[in-house]
Amino acid sequence: MDVFIGRQPILTVDKQLFGYELLHRTGNLNSFDGLDGNQATAEVISNSYLAFGLDKLSDHKKCFINFTKDLILDETPKLFSPDSIIIELLEDIEITAEVIKKCETFKEEGYNIAIDDFTDFGNYEKILHVIDIIKVDFLGTSKEKRIEIMDRYRHRPIQFLAEKVETLEEFEEAKSLGFELFQGYFFCKPSILSTKDLKPMPQLYIQMLNEINKPVPDIDAVATLAEKDVALSYKLLRLINSLGLQVKVSNVRQAIVFLGLAEVKKWILILMFTKDSDQSSGILHLSLSRAKLAELLAKKVNVNPHQASLVGMFSLLDTILQRPMEEVLDELPIDDTIKQTLTNVRQTDYHHLLNMIKAVERNDWQELSSHLNTFTITSEALQNSYIEALKWADSIIQVTGKE
């Protein structure tokens, strides 16, 4: 499926790039669709981190991301490193004691904090001690109001950002008032970036959260649930790379161990806010059936079933994401053997296993005969495993409503 994100540059007074604001978009239409704030931010986070890759979006500059009160209290900004984002408090956020305490913690940990659409002095006075940037909307304020804001707070160690600057006159006015940062159509409209992404099956979220929330969580049970969903498995591996963890994994369970259940839980909660999948159930079914059949056959031929399952599940990532397999796998911390299998670089046991599965799907019994001899599997055992894999994939698709 296509995912979109808006990216508008923020410039310094000499028009050098300071950073970007990341904006929620649902298509090539350059406007916000009125989505709930929590869901809009969740989709920006998910898309920027897992679909595009924040490093590719940011040009190594900080990105402004809007956060609601709920997301502040849940410490969602901590999914990002302090040097990658600026926490932007939405203009309608209620500045409670809990919000202030969380922002003080963010500040202590090195995060920068901005206030969006600053107009209400009373609402923000008690949090200004942790604010680094005040954004003033040039469309939504009068010249008198802008002067009042600057006169009242210019003595503080705060940068002022003029947003929605649309004319040369407004830019010149902002400079004369002391604004240091600038954003608006006068400089550049938000560019709409798009890429292909997978959306996880939301019905699995609750099951995973229930397992994670148990007094003694069973990592194997969590991994088993994740392995039922191509998208979630892919995103967990993508997350390892996004977080800069220098590890390689050969199965989903290892990915969960490296990330930790607390981190996995955070991302499940983020993904729960995003929209349901519109990915073709046919592609998902084929990926799942390949994963299960690879696992079943691997057990019969003494090949690692977890690695075999991952090979089967990810064998269609290039089709789903409409990108070269090499490019997709470069973004995943997968064991080299699995990468070499999926990119046909080396003839591994998993490579032969995957070719046998593809021959089963094509009903090519001439090719299958050589594979059966290689793996010493009977045609009856292969057929039974194939039927079991199809039934398993059917059951997952039905349970998650992807029919």
Protein backbone atom coordinates (compact mmCIF):
# COMPACT_ATOMS: atom_id res chain seq x y z
CA MET A 1 0.00 0.00 0.00
CA ASP A 2 1.08 3.64 -0.47
CA VAL A 3 1.92 5.72 2.58
CA PHE A 4 2.53 9.47 2.55
CA ILE A 5 4.18 12.05 4.74
CA GLY A 6 4.47 15.81 4.44
CA ARG A 7 7.82 17.48 5.02
CA GLN A 8 8.18 21.27 5.23
CA PRO A 9 11.61 22.85 5.66
CA ILE A 10 12.36 25.26 8.51
CA LEU A 11 15.01 27.83 7.65
CA THR A 12 17.33 30.19 9.47
CA VAL A 13 17.38 33.95 8.87
CA ASP A 14 19.99 33.48 6.10
CA LYS A 15 17.77 30.76 4.56
CA GLN A 16 19.93 27.84 5.61
CA LEU A 17 18.15 24.56 6.45
CA PHE A 18 17.52 24.24 10.20
CA GLY A 19 15.21 21.21 10.11
CA TYR A 20 11.87 19.90 8.89
CA GLU A 21 8.36 19.65 10.26
CA LEU A 22 6.85 16.26 9.52
CA LEU A 23 3.15 16.46 8.69
CA HIS A 24 0.43 13.84 8.44
CA ARG A 25 -0.80 13.25 4.89
CA THR A 26 -3.05 10.56 3.44
CA GLY A 27 -2.29 11.19 -0.23
CA ASN A 28 -0.80 13.66 -2.68
CA LEU A 29 -3.29 16.32 -1.57
CA ASN A 30 -1.18 18.85 0.34
CA SER A 31 -3.49 19.31 3.31
CA PHE A 32 -4.35 17.77 6.66
CA ASP A 33 -7.46 15.56 6.66
CA GLY A 34 -8.71 16.41 10.17
CA LEU A 35 -7.67 13.09 11.70
CA ASP A 36 -7.59 12.70 15.48
CA GLY A 37 -4.32 14.14 16.83
CA ASN A 38 -3.20 10.89 18.43
CA GLN A 39 -3.77 8.92 15.25
CA ALA A 40 -2.19 11.57 13.02
CA THR A 41 0.99 11.65 15.12
CA ALA A 42 1.05 7.85 15.38
CA GLU A 43 0.99 7.59 11.60
CA VAL A 44 3.71 10.23 11.22
CA ILE A 45 5.88 8.31 13.69
CA SER A 46 5.20 4.93 12.13
CA ASN A 47 5.72 6.14 8.58
CA SER A 48 8.79 8.27 9.27
CA TYR A 49 10.50 5.62 11.37
CA LEU A 50 9.45 2.35 9.79
CA ALA A 51 8.38 3.10 6.23
CA PHE A 52 10.72 5.88 5.07
CA GLY A 53 13.45 5.79 7.68
CA LEU A 54 13.87 8.97 9.71
CA ASP A 55 17.49 9.37 8.64
CA LYS A 56 16.42 9.57 4.98
CA LEU A 57 13.66 12.08 5.73
CA SER A 58 15.72 14.38 7.92
CA ASP A 59 18.94 15.00 5.94
CA HIS A 60 20.59 14.66 9.36
CA LYS A 61 18.61 17.64 10.67
CA LYS A 62 16.11 17.62 13.52
CA CYS A 63 12.46 16.99 12.71
CA PHE A 64 9.59 18.80 14.44
CA ILE A 65 6.85 16.30 15.35
CA ASN A 66 3.52 17.24 16.95
CA PHE A 67 2.62 15.44 20.17
CA THR A 68 -0.71 15.40 21.98
CA LYS A 69 -1.16 15.31 25.74
CA ASP A 70 -1.77 11.53 25.69
CA LEU A 71 1.43 10.88 23.74
CA ILE A 72 3.43 13.17 26.04
CA LEU A 73 2.17 11.34 29.12
CA ASP A 74 2.97 7.98 27.48
CA GLU A 75 6.54 9.24 26.86
CA THR A 76 6.16 8.54 23.14
CA PRO A 77 8.86 11.09 22.20
CA LYS A 78 11.40 8.72 23.78
CA LEU A 79 10.97 6.42 20.79
CA PHE A 80 13.30 8.93 19.12
CA SER A 81 16.76 10.05 20.16
CA PRO A 82 17.06 13.64 21.47
CA ASP A 83 19.28 14.62 18.54
CA SER A 84 16.73 13.51 15.92
CA ILE A 85 13.51 15.36 16.85
CA ILE A 86 12.08 18.49 18.40
CA ILE A 87 8.99 17.80 20.53
CA GLU A 88 6.24 20.14 19.36
CA LEU A 89 3.39 20.68 21.81
CA LEU A 90 0.11 21.17 20.00
CA GLU A 91 -1.59 24.51 20.62
CA ASP A 92 -4.63 22.96 22.31
CA ILE A 93 -2.68 20.82 24.76
CA GLU A 94 -3.72 21.21 28.40
CA ILE A 95 -0.66 22.21 30.41
CA THR A 96 -1.20 20.10 33.51
CA ALA A 97 1.27 19.32 36.29
CA GLU A 98 1.78 15.87 34.73
CA VAL A 99 2.58 17.37 31.32
CA ILE A 100 5.06 19.81 32.88
CA LYS A 101 6.79 17.00 34.80
CA LYS A 102 7.14 14.89 31.65
CA CYS A 103 8.51 17.84 29.68
CA GLU A 104 11.03 18.56 32.44
CA THR A 105 12.18 14.96 32.16
CA PHE A 106 12.48 15.26 28.38
CA LYS A 107 14.48 18.45 28.80
CA GLU A 108 16.86 16.78 31.30
CA GLU A 109 17.43 13.97 28.81
CA GLY A 110 18.47 16.39 26.08
CA TYR A 111 15.27 16.90 24.06
CA ASN A 112 14.32 20.29 22.62
CA ILE A 113 10.69 21.38 23.05
CA ALA A 114 8.64 23.79 20.94
CA ILE A 115 5.19 25.32 21.40
CA ASP A 116 3.01 25.45 18.30
CA ASP A 117 0.73 28.41 17.44
CA PHE A 118 1.64 30.39 20.55
CA THR A 119 -1.06 32.94 21.49
CA ASP A 120 -2.36 32.20 25.00
CA PHE A 121 0.05 33.62 27.56
CA GLY A 122 -1.79 32.16 30.54
CA ASN A 123 -1.78 28.60 29.27
CA TYR A 124 1.97 28.45 28.70
CA GLU A 125 3.52 30.67 31.39
CA LYS A 126 4.11 27.74 33.76
CA ILE A 127 5.97 25.64 31.19
CA LEU A 128 8.18 28.26 29.53
CA HIS A 129 11.19 27.22 31.64
CA VAL A 130 11.55 24.08 29.48
CA ILE A 131 10.66 25.62 26.11
CA ASP A 132 13.37 26.10 23.47
CA ILE A 133 11.29 27.36 20.54
CA ILE A 134 8.06 29.36 20.31
CA LYS A 135 6.22 29.13 16.98
CA VAL A 136 4.05 32.11 16.07
CA ASP A 137 1.42 31.71 13.34
CA PHE A 138 1.60 34.75 11.03
CA LEU A 139 -1.80 33.94 9.53
CA GLY A 140 -3.49 33.51 12.89
CA THR A 141 -2.13 36.55 14.74
CA SER A 142 -2.22 40.28 14.25
CA LYS A 143 0.93 42.38 13.95
CA GLU A 144 0.15 43.84 17.36
CA LYS A 145 -0.09 40.39 18.91
CA ARG A 146 3.23 39.34 17.39
CA ILE A 147 4.92 42.46 18.78
CA GLU A 148 3.37 41.76 22.21
CA ILE A 149 4.71 38.19 22.22
CA MET A 150 8.22 39.24 21.24
CA ASP A 151 8.35 42.12 23.73
CA ARG A 152 7.17 39.89 26.53
CA TYR A 153 9.53 36.93 25.98
CA ARG A 154 12.56 38.09 23.98
CA HIS A 155 14.63 38.24 27.20
CA ARG A 156 14.25 34.48 27.66
CA PRO A 157 16.71 31.93 26.15
CA ILE A 158 14.10 30.98 23.55
CA GLN A 159 14.23 30.95 19.75
CA PHE A 160 11.22 32.36 17.92
CA LEU A 161 9.92 30.67 14.77
CA ALA A 162 7.65 32.51 12.34
CA GLU A 163 5.34 29.97 10.70
CA LYS A 164 2.90 30.37 7.81
CA VAL A 165 5.02 33.16 6.38
CA GLU A 166 3.59 33.65 2.90
CA THR A 167 4.92 36.98 1.62
CA LEU A 168 8.21 38.86 1.44
CA GLU A 169 6.66 41.57 3.63
CA GLU A 170 5.89 39.03 6.37
CA PHE A 171 9.42 37.63 6.16
CA GLU A 172 10.92 41.11 6.48
CA GLU A 173 8.60 41.91 9.39
CA ALA A 174 9.55 38.69 11.17
CA LYS A 175 13.25 39.45 10.77
CA SER A 176 12.80 42.97 12.12
CA LEU A 177 10.96 41.65 15.18
CA GLY A 178 13.77 39.24 16.00
CA PHE A 179 12.49 35.93 14.69
CA GLU A 180 15.37 33.52 14.00
CA LEU A 181 13.57 30.60 12.30
CA PHE A 182 11.07 30.66 9.45
CA GLN A 183 8.52 28.30 7.92
CA GLY A 184 5.86 28.84 5.30
CA TYR A 185 4.75 28.89 1.69
CA PHE A 186 6.95 31.93 1.00
CA PHE A 187 9.92 29.57 1.23
CA CYS A 188 8.49 26.21 0.25
CA LYS A 189 5.22 24.31 0.32
CA PRO A 190 5.37 20.99 2.18
CA SER A 191 6.66 18.29 -0.15
CA ILE A 192 4.64 15.08 -0.17
CA LEU A 193 6.79 11.97 -0.02
CA SER A 194 5.39 8.52 -0.64
CA THR A 195 6.62 4.96 -0.40
CA LYS A 196 5.23 1.46 -0.18
CA ASP A 197 4.55 0.03 3.24
CA LEU A 198 2.94 -2.93 4.96
CA LYS A 199 0.24 -2.44 7.56
CA PRO A 200 0.04 -5.02 10.34
CA MET A 201 -3.14 -6.94 11.17
CA PRO A 202 -4.63 -4.98 14.08
CA GLN A 203 -6.51 -7.95 15.52
CA LEU A 204 -3.17 -9.43 16.57
CA TYR A 205 -2.23 -6.35 18.62
CA ILE A 206 -4.56 -7.16 21.50
CA GLN A 207 -3.36 -10.75 21.67
CA MET A 208 0.26 -9.61 21.79
CA LEU A 209 -0.43 -6.93 24.39
CA ASN A 210 -2.30 -9.43 26.56
CA GLU A 211 0.70 -11.75 26.43
CA ILE A 212 3.23 -8.97 27.09
CA ASN A 213 1.16 -7.68 30.04
CA LYS A 214 1.14 -11.03 31.84
CA PRO A 215 3.11 -11.17 35.13
CA VAL A 216 5.55 -13.53 33.43
CA PRO A 217 5.35 -12.90 29.66
CA ASP A 218 6.18 -15.76 27.33
CA ILE A 219 8.53 -14.44 24.64
CA ASP A 220 7.93 -17.54 22.54
CA ALA A 221 4.18 -16.85 22.58
CA VAL A 222 4.75 -13.21 21.59
CA ALA A 223 7.04 -14.30 18.77
CA THR A 224 4.53 -16.88 17.56
CA LEU A 225 1.88 -14.15 17.29
CA ALA A 226 4.26 -11.81 15.48
CA GLU A 227 5.19 -14.56 13.03
CA LYS A 228 1.55 -14.73 11.92
CA ASP A 229 1.86 -11.26 10.41
CA VAL A 230 4.27 -10.44 7.60
CA ALA A 231 4.01 -6.70 8.28
CA LEU A 232 4.66 -6.86 12.00
CA SER A 233 7.63 -9.19 11.52
CA TYR A 234 9.07 -6.83 8.91
CA LYS A 235 8.51 -3.76 11.10
CA LEU A 236 10.17 -5.35 14.15
CA LEU A 237 13.27 -6.04 12.09
CA ARG A 238 13.11 -2.59 10.48
CA LEU A 239 12.94 -1.09 13.96
CA ILE A 240 16.25 -2.69 14.97
CA ASN A 241 17.94 -0.89 12.09
CA SER A 242 16.13 2.38 12.81
CA LEU A 243 17.35 2.29 16.40
CA GLY A 244 20.91 1.72 15.22
CA LEU A 245 21.33 -1.61 17.02
CA GLN A 246 24.40 -3.33 15.58
CA VAL A 247 23.01 -6.85 15.51
CA LYS A 248 21.85 -9.38 12.96
CA VAL A 249 18.99 -11.75 13.59
CA SER A 250 17.77 -14.92 11.96
CA ASN A 251 14.23 -15.04 13.32
CA VAL A 252 11.50 -12.89 14.84
CA ARG A 253 12.07 -14.18 18.36
CA GLN A 254 15.64 -12.89 18.34
CA ALA A 255 14.38 -9.49 17.18
CA ILE A 256 11.96 -9.33 20.12
CA VAL A 257 14.70 -10.33 22.57
CA PHE A 258 17.04 -7.62 21.26
CA LEU A 259 14.33 -4.95 21.34
CA GLY A 260 12.86 -6.01 24.66
CA LEU A 261 9.19 -6.52 25.41
CA ALA A 262 8.79 -2.95 26.69
CA GLU A 263 9.99 -1.50 23.37
CA VAL A 264 7.83 -3.94 21.39
CA LYS A 265 4.82 -2.92 23.48
CA LYS A 266 5.44 0.79 22.76
CA TRP A 267 5.46 0.16 19.04
CA ILE A 268 2.36 -1.99 19.13
CA LEU A 269 0.55 0.87 20.88
CA ILE A 270 1.78 3.30 18.21
CA LEU A 271 0.67 0.99 15.41
CA MET A 272 -2.74 0.54 17.04
CA PHE A 273 -3.46 4.19 16.23
CA THR A 274 -2.68 3.75 12.54
CA LYS A 275 -5.23 2.77 9.94
CA ASP A 276 -6.16 -0.79 9.10
CA SER A 277 -4.34 -2.61 6.33
CA ASP A 278 -5.56 -2.47 2.77
CA GLN A 279 -2.86 -4.88 1.62
CA SER A 280 -4.09 -7.59 -0.73
CA SER A 281 -5.13 -10.65 1.26
CA GLY A 282 -3.84 -12.81 -1.60
CA ILE A 283 -0.26 -11.61 -1.13
CA LEU A 284 -0.53 -11.92 2.64
CA HIS A 285 -1.95 -15.42 2.33
CA LEU A 286 0.87 -16.50 0.02
CA SER A 287 3.53 -15.06 2.36
CA LEU A 288 1.99 -16.81 5.37
CA SER A 289 1.58 -20.14 3.63
CA ARG A 290 5.19 -20.01 2.42
CA ALA A 291 6.38 -19.25 5.95
CA LYS A 292 4.43 -22.15 7.44
CA LEU A 293 5.36 -24.63 4.72
CA ALA A 294 9.04 -23.69 5.01
CA GLU A 295 8.85 -24.24 8.76
CA LEU A 296 7.16 -27.64 8.39
CA LEU A 297 9.56 -28.87 5.73
CA ALA A 298 12.61 -27.57 7.59
CA LYS A 299 11.73 -29.80 10.54
CA LYS A 300 11.73 -32.82 8.24
CA VAL A 301 15.15 -32.11 6.73
CA ASN A 302 17.01 -30.85 9.83
CA VAL A 303 17.16 -27.22 8.75
CA ASN A 304 16.52 -24.40 11.23
CA PRO A 305 12.70 -23.98 11.09
CA HIS A 306 12.71 -20.38 12.40
CA GLN A 307 15.14 -19.20 9.73
CA ALA A 308 13.24 -21.15 7.09
CA SER A 309 9.98 -19.53 8.19
CA LEU A 310 11.50 -16.04 7.89
CA VAL A 311 12.77 -16.85 4.38
CA GLY A 312 9.29 -17.96 3.35
CA MET A 313 7.54 -15.01 4.96
CA PHE A 314 9.86 -12.36 3.48
CA SER A 315 10.16 -13.95 0.04
CA LEU A 316 7.53 -11.55 -1.35
CA LEU A 317 8.68 -8.32 0.30
CA ASP A 318 9.90 -6.94 -3.02
CA THR A 319 6.46 -7.59 -4.54
CA ILE A 320 4.59 -6.10 -1.59
CA LEU A 321 6.76 -3.00 -1.25
CA GLN A 322 7.47 -2.68 -4.98
CA ARG A 323 11.16 -2.16 -4.35
CA PRO A 324 14.22 -4.30 -5.21
CA MET A 325 14.76 -7.09 -2.70
CA GLU A 326 18.38 -6.01 -2.16
CA GLU A 327 17.24 -2.50 -1.21
CA VAL A 328 14.56 -3.77 1.17
CA LEU A 329 16.91 -6.20 2.92
CA ASP A 330 19.63 -3.56 3.32
CA GLU A 331 17.25 -1.90 5.80
CA LEU A 332 16.78 -5.06 7.86
CA PRO A 333 19.27 -6.59 10.32
CA ILE A 334 18.81 -10.09 8.90
CA ASP A 335 21.36 -12.87 9.13
CA ASP A 336 23.60 -12.93 6.03
CA THR A 337 22.52 -16.44 5.10
CA ILE A 338 18.89 -15.34 4.87
CA LYS A 339 19.82 -12.24 2.85
CA GLN A 340 21.90 -14.31 0.45
CA THR A 341 19.02 -16.72 0.06
CA LEU A 342 16.42 -14.05 -0.71
CA THR A 343 18.71 -12.21 -3.14
CA ASN A 344 19.92 -15.40 -4.85
CA VAL A 345 23.52 -14.55 -4.03
CA ARG A 346 24.24 -18.03 -2.67
CA GLN A 347 22.63 -21.43 -3.03
CA THR A 348 21.75 -22.27 0.56
CA ASP A 349 19.55 -25.01 2.01
CA TYR A 350 16.86 -22.33 2.43
CA HIS A 351 17.26 -21.37 -1.23
CA HIS A 352 16.53 -24.94 -2.33
CA LEU A 353 13.67 -25.14 0.17
CA LEU A 354 12.12 -21.94 -1.19
CA ASN A 355 12.47 -23.17 -4.78
CA MET A 356 10.69 -26.36 -3.79
CA ILE A 357 7.85 -24.34 -2.25
CA LYS A 358 7.54 -22.25 -5.42
CA ALA A 359 7.42 -25.46 -7.48
CA VAL A 360 4.58 -26.71 -5.26
CA GLU A 361 2.68 -23.46 -5.86
CA ARG A 362 3.14 -23.87 -9.63
CA ASN A 363 2.25 -27.55 -9.40
CA ASP A 364 5.49 -28.26 -11.29
CA TRP A 365 6.03 -31.90 -10.42
CA GLN A 366 8.91 -32.30 -12.85
CA GLU A 367 10.98 -29.81 -10.88
CA LEU A 368 9.62 -31.11 -7.60
CA SER A 369 10.96 -34.60 -8.20
CA SER A 370 14.57 -33.37 -8.06
CA HIS A 371 13.88 -31.39 -4.88
CA LEU A 372 12.23 -34.38 -3.24
CA ASN A 373 15.30 -36.49 -3.99
CA THR A 374 17.62 -33.80 -2.64
CA PHE A 375 15.74 -33.49 0.65
CA THR A 376 14.57 -37.12 0.83
CA ILE A 377 10.96 -36.06 1.36
CA THR A 378 8.09 -38.16 0.06
CA SER A 379 5.51 -36.57 -2.21
CA GLU A 380 2.82 -37.56 0.31
CA ALA A 381 4.64 -35.75 3.15
CA LEU A 382 5.05 -32.68 0.95
CA GLN A 383 1.38 -32.63 -0.01
CA ASN A 384 0.27 -33.05 3.60
CA SER A 385 2.55 -30.23 4.73
CA TYR A 386 1.30 -28.00 1.92
CA ILE A 387 -2.33 -28.59 2.89
CA GLU A 388 -1.51 -27.88 6.55
CA ALA A 389 0.26 -24.63 5.58
CA LEU A 390 -2.70 -23.49 3.47
CA LYS A 391 -5.15 -24.24 6.28
CA TRP A 392 -2.96 -22.37 8.77
CA ALA A 393 -2.74 -19.33 6.47
CA ASP A 394 -6.53 -19.50 5.93
CA SER A 395 -7.13 -19.49 9.67
CA ILE A 396 -4.91 -16.42 10.20
CA ILE A 397 -6.53 -14.47 7.37
CA GLN A 398 -10.01 -15.32 8.66
CA VAL A 399 -9.23 -14.46 12.29
CA THR A 400 -7.74 -11.10 11.31
CA GLY A 401 -10.58 -10.28 8.96
CA LYS A 402 -8.41 -10.02 5.83
CA GLU A 403 -10.77 -11.86 3.51
